[in-house]
Amino acid sequence: MPQVVFTPNLRRHVECASAQVGGTTVGEALEQVFETNPRLQRYVLDDQGALRKHMLVFVDGSPARDRIQLSDPVEESSEIFVMQALSGG
């Protein structure tokens, strides 16, 4: 089962433990996490269900390409990392 991991900087703002979930896409995997944590969903996704601009998702070390439909495929052994994008100087 894919593992969804939230970085420490995100966990500072909203409770979100790592989880083993089912699913064949990023969206399906995240939906399983959000079922038990709707507050996290509002933090990660916008009102249209797309990834918020200040969020990043990596699948097995590569950035997710589809930020709108979250259709990037995941494997049984995939690691999905969710993090806040940081900017500034």
N, C-alpha and C. Protein backbone atom coordinates (compact mmCIF):
# COMPACT_ATOMS: atom_id res chain seq x y z
N MET A 1 0.84 -1.19 0.00
CA MET A 1 0.00 0.00 0.00
C MET A 1 0.88 1.25 0.00
N PRO A 2 0.52 2.26 -0.78
CA PRO A 2 1.30 3.49 -0.78
C PRO A 2 1.34 4.12 0.62
N GLN A 3 2.43 4.77 0.91
CA GLN A 3 2.57 5.47 2.19
C GLN A 3 2.55 6.97 1.92
N VAL A 4 1.70 7.69 2.65
CA VAL A 4 1.62 9.15 2.56
C VAL A 4 2.33 9.72 3.78
N VAL A 5 3.30 10.60 3.52
CA VAL A 5 4.12 11.19 4.58
C VAL A 5 3.99 12.71 4.50
N PHE A 6 3.80 13.33 5.65
CA PHE A 6 3.70 14.78 5.73
C PHE A 6 4.95 15.31 6.43
N THR A 7 5.55 16.33 5.86
CA THR A 7 6.79 16.86 6.40
C THR A 7 6.57 17.58 7.73
N PRO A 8 7.62 17.68 8.54
CA PRO A 8 7.49 18.33 9.85
C PRO A 8 6.98 19.77 9.78
N ASN A 9 7.37 20.53 8.74
CA ASN A 9 6.90 21.91 8.68
C ASN A 9 5.39 21.96 8.48
N LEU A 10 4.80 21.00 7.80
CA LEU A 10 3.35 20.94 7.64
C LEU A 10 2.68 20.48 8.93
N ARG A 11 3.30 19.49 9.59
CA ARG A 11 2.73 18.97 10.85
C ARG A 11 2.71 20.03 11.94
N ARG A 12 3.52 21.08 11.82
CA ARG A 12 3.48 22.18 12.80
C ARG A 12 2.17 22.95 12.73
N HIS A 13 1.53 22.95 11.55
CA HIS A 13 0.33 23.75 11.34
C HIS A 13 -0.97 22.95 11.45
N VAL A 14 -0.90 21.67 11.12
CA VAL A 14 -2.10 20.84 11.17
C VAL A 14 -1.68 19.41 11.50
N GLU A 15 -2.45 18.76 12.34
CA GLU A 15 -2.14 17.38 12.73
C GLU A 15 -2.27 16.47 11.51
N CYS A 16 -1.22 15.73 11.20
CA CYS A 16 -1.25 14.84 10.04
C CYS A 16 -0.17 13.77 10.16
N ALA A 17 -0.57 12.63 10.63
CA ALA A 17 0.36 11.51 10.78
C ALA A 17 0.54 10.81 9.45
N SER A 18 1.68 10.17 9.27
CA SER A 18 1.91 9.35 8.08
C SER A 18 0.90 8.21 8.07
N ALA A 19 0.56 7.74 6.86
CA ALA A 19 -0.45 6.69 6.77
C ALA A 19 -0.19 5.77 5.59
N GLN A 20 -0.47 4.49 5.78
CA GLN A 20 -0.48 3.52 4.70
C GLN A 20 -1.91 3.50 4.16
N VAL A 21 -2.07 3.73 2.85
CA VAL A 21 -3.41 3.83 2.27
C VAL A 21 -3.47 3.05 0.97
N GLY A 22 -4.68 2.83 0.49
CA GLY A 22 -4.88 2.22 -0.82
C GLY A 22 -4.94 3.31 -1.87
N GLY A 23 -5.12 2.90 -3.10
CA GLY A 23 -5.27 3.84 -4.19
C GLY A 23 -4.24 3.63 -5.27
N THR A 24 -4.60 4.03 -6.48
CA THR A 24 -3.70 3.90 -7.62
C THR A 24 -3.26 5.24 -8.17
N THR A 25 -3.78 6.33 -7.59
CA THR A 25 -3.36 7.68 -7.98
C THR A 25 -3.09 8.50 -6.72
N VAL A 26 -2.42 9.62 -6.89
CA VAL A 26 -2.18 10.53 -5.77
C VAL A 26 -3.52 10.95 -5.16
N GLY A 27 -4.48 11.29 -6.00
CA GLY A 27 -5.78 11.74 -5.51
C GLY A 27 -6.49 10.69 -4.68
N GLU A 28 -6.49 9.45 -5.14
CA GLU A 28 -7.13 8.37 -4.39
C GLU A 28 -6.45 8.15 -3.05
N ALA A 29 -5.13 8.19 -3.03
CA ALA A 29 -4.40 7.99 -1.79
C ALA A 29 -4.68 9.12 -0.80
N LEU A 30 -4.64 10.36 -1.29
CA LEU A 30 -4.91 11.49 -0.40
C LEU A 30 -6.34 11.47 0.10
N GLU A 31 -7.28 11.08 -0.74
CA GLU A 31 -8.68 11.02 -0.33
C GLU A 31 -8.86 10.10 0.88
N GLN A 32 -8.15 9.01 0.92
CA GLN A 32 -8.25 8.11 2.07
C GLN A 32 -7.75 8.78 3.34
N VAL A 33 -6.69 9.57 3.23
CA VAL A 33 -6.18 10.29 4.40
C VAL A 33 -7.20 11.34 4.82
N PHE A 34 -7.77 12.05 3.86
CA PHE A 34 -8.69 13.15 4.16
C PHE A 34 -10.01 12.66 4.76
N GLU A 35 -10.38 11.42 4.50
CA GLU A 35 -11.61 10.88 5.08
C GLU A 35 -11.59 10.95 6.60
N THR A 36 -10.42 10.78 7.17
CA THR A 36 -10.30 10.82 8.63
C THR A 36 -9.77 12.16 9.13
N ASN A 37 -9.41 13.06 8.20
CA ASN A 37 -8.85 14.34 8.60
C ASN A 37 -9.30 15.46 7.64
N PRO A 38 -10.58 15.87 7.72
CA PRO A 38 -11.08 16.89 6.80
C PRO A 38 -10.36 18.24 6.94
N ARG A 39 -9.87 18.55 8.12
CA ARG A 39 -9.13 19.81 8.29
C ARG A 39 -7.88 19.82 7.43
N LEU A 40 -7.20 18.70 7.35
CA LEU A 40 -6.01 18.58 6.52
C LEU A 40 -6.37 18.78 5.04
N GLN A 41 -7.49 18.24 4.62
CA GLN A 41 -7.91 18.40 3.22
C GLN A 41 -8.06 19.87 2.87
N ARG A 42 -8.68 20.64 3.72
CA ARG A 42 -8.86 22.07 3.47
C ARG A 42 -7.53 22.81 3.43
N TYR A 43 -6.54 22.29 4.11
CA TYR A 43 -5.22 22.91 4.12
C TYR A 43 -4.43 22.58 2.86
N VAL A 44 -4.60 21.35 2.34
CA VAL A 44 -3.82 20.86 1.20
C VAL A 44 -4.49 21.19 -0.14
N LEU A 45 -5.81 21.06 -0.20
CA LEU A 45 -6.54 21.26 -1.45
C LEU A 45 -7.39 22.52 -1.41
N ASP A 46 -7.58 23.13 -2.59
CA ASP A 46 -8.46 24.29 -2.66
C ASP A 46 -9.92 23.84 -2.77
N ASP A 47 -10.83 24.79 -2.93
CA ASP A 47 -12.26 24.45 -2.97
C ASP A 47 -12.67 23.72 -4.24
N GLN A 48 -11.79 23.64 -5.23
CA GLN A 48 -12.05 22.89 -6.46
C GLN A 48 -11.41 21.50 -6.41
N GLY A 49 -10.72 21.17 -5.33
CA GLY A 49 -10.08 19.87 -5.19
C GLY A 49 -8.68 19.79 -5.77
N ALA A 50 -8.14 20.93 -6.21
CA ALA A 50 -6.78 20.97 -6.74
C ALA A 50 -5.79 21.26 -5.62
N LEU A 51 -4.55 20.91 -5.85
CA LEU A 51 -3.50 21.18 -4.87
C LEU A 51 -3.32 22.69 -4.73
N ARG A 52 -3.30 23.18 -3.50
CA ARG A 52 -3.09 24.61 -3.28
C ARG A 52 -1.71 25.02 -3.78
N LYS A 53 -1.58 26.29 -4.15
CA LYS A 53 -0.32 26.79 -4.71
C LYS A 53 0.84 26.66 -3.75
N HIS A 54 0.59 26.72 -2.46
CA HIS A 54 1.68 26.65 -1.48
C HIS A 54 2.00 25.22 -1.04
N MET A 55 1.43 24.22 -1.74
CA MET A 55 1.67 22.83 -1.39
C MET A 55 2.42 22.12 -2.53
N LEU A 56 3.24 21.16 -2.16
CA LEU A 56 3.97 20.32 -3.12
C LEU A 56 3.74 18.86 -2.76
N VAL A 57 3.66 18.02 -3.79
CA VAL A 57 3.54 16.58 -3.60
C VAL A 57 4.61 15.91 -4.45
N PHE A 58 5.33 14.98 -3.84
CA PHE A 58 6.33 14.19 -4.54
C PHE A 58 5.92 12.72 -4.45
N VAL A 59 6.07 12.01 -5.57
CA VAL A 59 5.81 10.58 -5.61
C VAL A 59 7.13 9.90 -5.92
N ASP A 60 7.61 9.11 -4.98
CA ASP A 60 8.88 8.40 -5.14
C ASP A 60 10.01 9.34 -5.56
N GLY A 61 10.03 10.53 -4.96
CA GLY A 61 11.11 11.49 -5.18
C GLY A 61 10.92 12.43 -6.35
N SER A 62 9.87 12.27 -7.15
CA SER A 62 9.62 13.15 -8.29
C SER A 62 8.37 13.99 -8.04
N PRO A 63 8.39 15.26 -8.45
CA PRO A 63 7.21 16.10 -8.25
C PRO A 63 6.00 15.56 -9.01
N ALA A 64 4.85 15.62 -8.36
CA ALA A 64 3.61 15.25 -9.04
C ALA A 64 3.37 16.23 -10.18
N ARG A 65 2.97 15.73 -11.32
CA ARG A 65 2.76 16.58 -12.50
C ARG A 65 1.36 17.18 -12.52
N ASP A 66 0.38 16.42 -12.11
CA ASP A 66 -1.01 16.86 -12.18
C ASP A 66 -1.44 17.46 -10.85
N ARG A 67 -1.41 18.78 -10.77
CA ARG A 67 -1.78 19.48 -9.55
C ARG A 67 -3.29 19.72 -9.46
N ILE A 68 -4.01 19.45 -10.54
CA ILE A 68 -5.45 19.74 -10.57
C ILE A 68 -6.27 18.48 -10.30
N GLN A 69 -6.07 17.44 -11.09
CA GLN A 69 -6.83 16.19 -10.93
C GLN A 69 -6.14 15.19 -10.00
N LEU A 70 -4.85 15.44 -9.71
CA LEU A 70 -4.05 14.55 -8.86
C LEU A 70 -4.06 13.12 -9.39
N SER A 71 -3.89 13.01 -10.71
CA SER A 71 -4.00 11.71 -11.38
C SER A 71 -2.68 10.97 -11.54
N ASP A 72 -1.59 11.50 -10.98
CA ASP A 72 -0.31 10.80 -11.08
C ASP A 72 -0.46 9.40 -10.49
N PRO A 73 0.05 8.38 -11.20
CA PRO A 73 -0.10 7.01 -10.69
C PRO A 73 0.83 6.74 -9.51
N VAL A 74 0.38 5.87 -8.63
CA VAL A 74 1.21 5.40 -7.52
C VAL A 74 1.18 3.87 -7.52
N GLU A 75 2.27 3.29 -7.05
CA GLU A 75 2.40 1.84 -6.96
C GLU A 75 2.16 1.41 -5.52
N GLU A 76 2.06 0.12 -5.33
CA GLU A 76 1.89 -0.43 -3.97
C GLU A 76 3.00 0.01 -3.02
N SER A 77 4.20 0.17 -3.55
CA SER A 77 5.35 0.52 -2.71
C SER A 77 5.70 2.01 -2.76
N SER A 78 4.85 2.83 -3.35
CA SER A 78 5.15 4.26 -3.51
C SER A 78 5.14 5.00 -2.19
N GLU A 79 5.97 6.04 -2.13
CA GLU A 79 5.98 6.99 -1.02
C GLU A 79 5.51 8.33 -1.58
N ILE A 80 4.49 8.86 -0.97
CA ILE A 80 3.92 10.14 -1.38
C ILE A 80 4.27 11.15 -0.29
N PHE A 81 5.05 12.15 -0.64
CA PHE A 81 5.45 13.17 0.33
C PHE A 81 4.66 14.45 0.07
N VAL A 82 4.04 14.97 1.11
CA VAL A 82 3.26 16.19 1.02
C VAL A 82 3.96 17.24 1.87
N MET A 83 4.21 18.40 1.26
CA MET A 83 4.93 19.44 1.99
C MET A 83 4.44 20.82 1.58
N GLN A 84 4.72 21.76 2.43
CA GLN A 84 4.46 23.16 2.15
C GLN A 84 5.61 23.72 1.35
N ALA A 85 5.28 24.44 0.29
CA ALA A 85 6.31 25.13 -0.47
C ALA A 85 6.76 26.34 0.34
N LEU A 86 8.06 26.54 0.41
CA LEU A 86 8.60 27.67 1.14
C LEU A 86 9.23 28.64 0.16
N SER A 87 9.03 29.91 0.38
CA SER A 87 9.61 30.90 -0.50
C SER A 87 10.13 32.06 0.34
N GLY A 88 10.82 32.94 -0.31
CA GLY A 88 11.35 34.10 0.40
C GLY A 88 12.85 34.15 0.26
N GLY A 89 13.41 35.09 0.89
CA GLY A 89 14.85 35.21 0.75
C GLY A 89 15.48 35.85 1.96
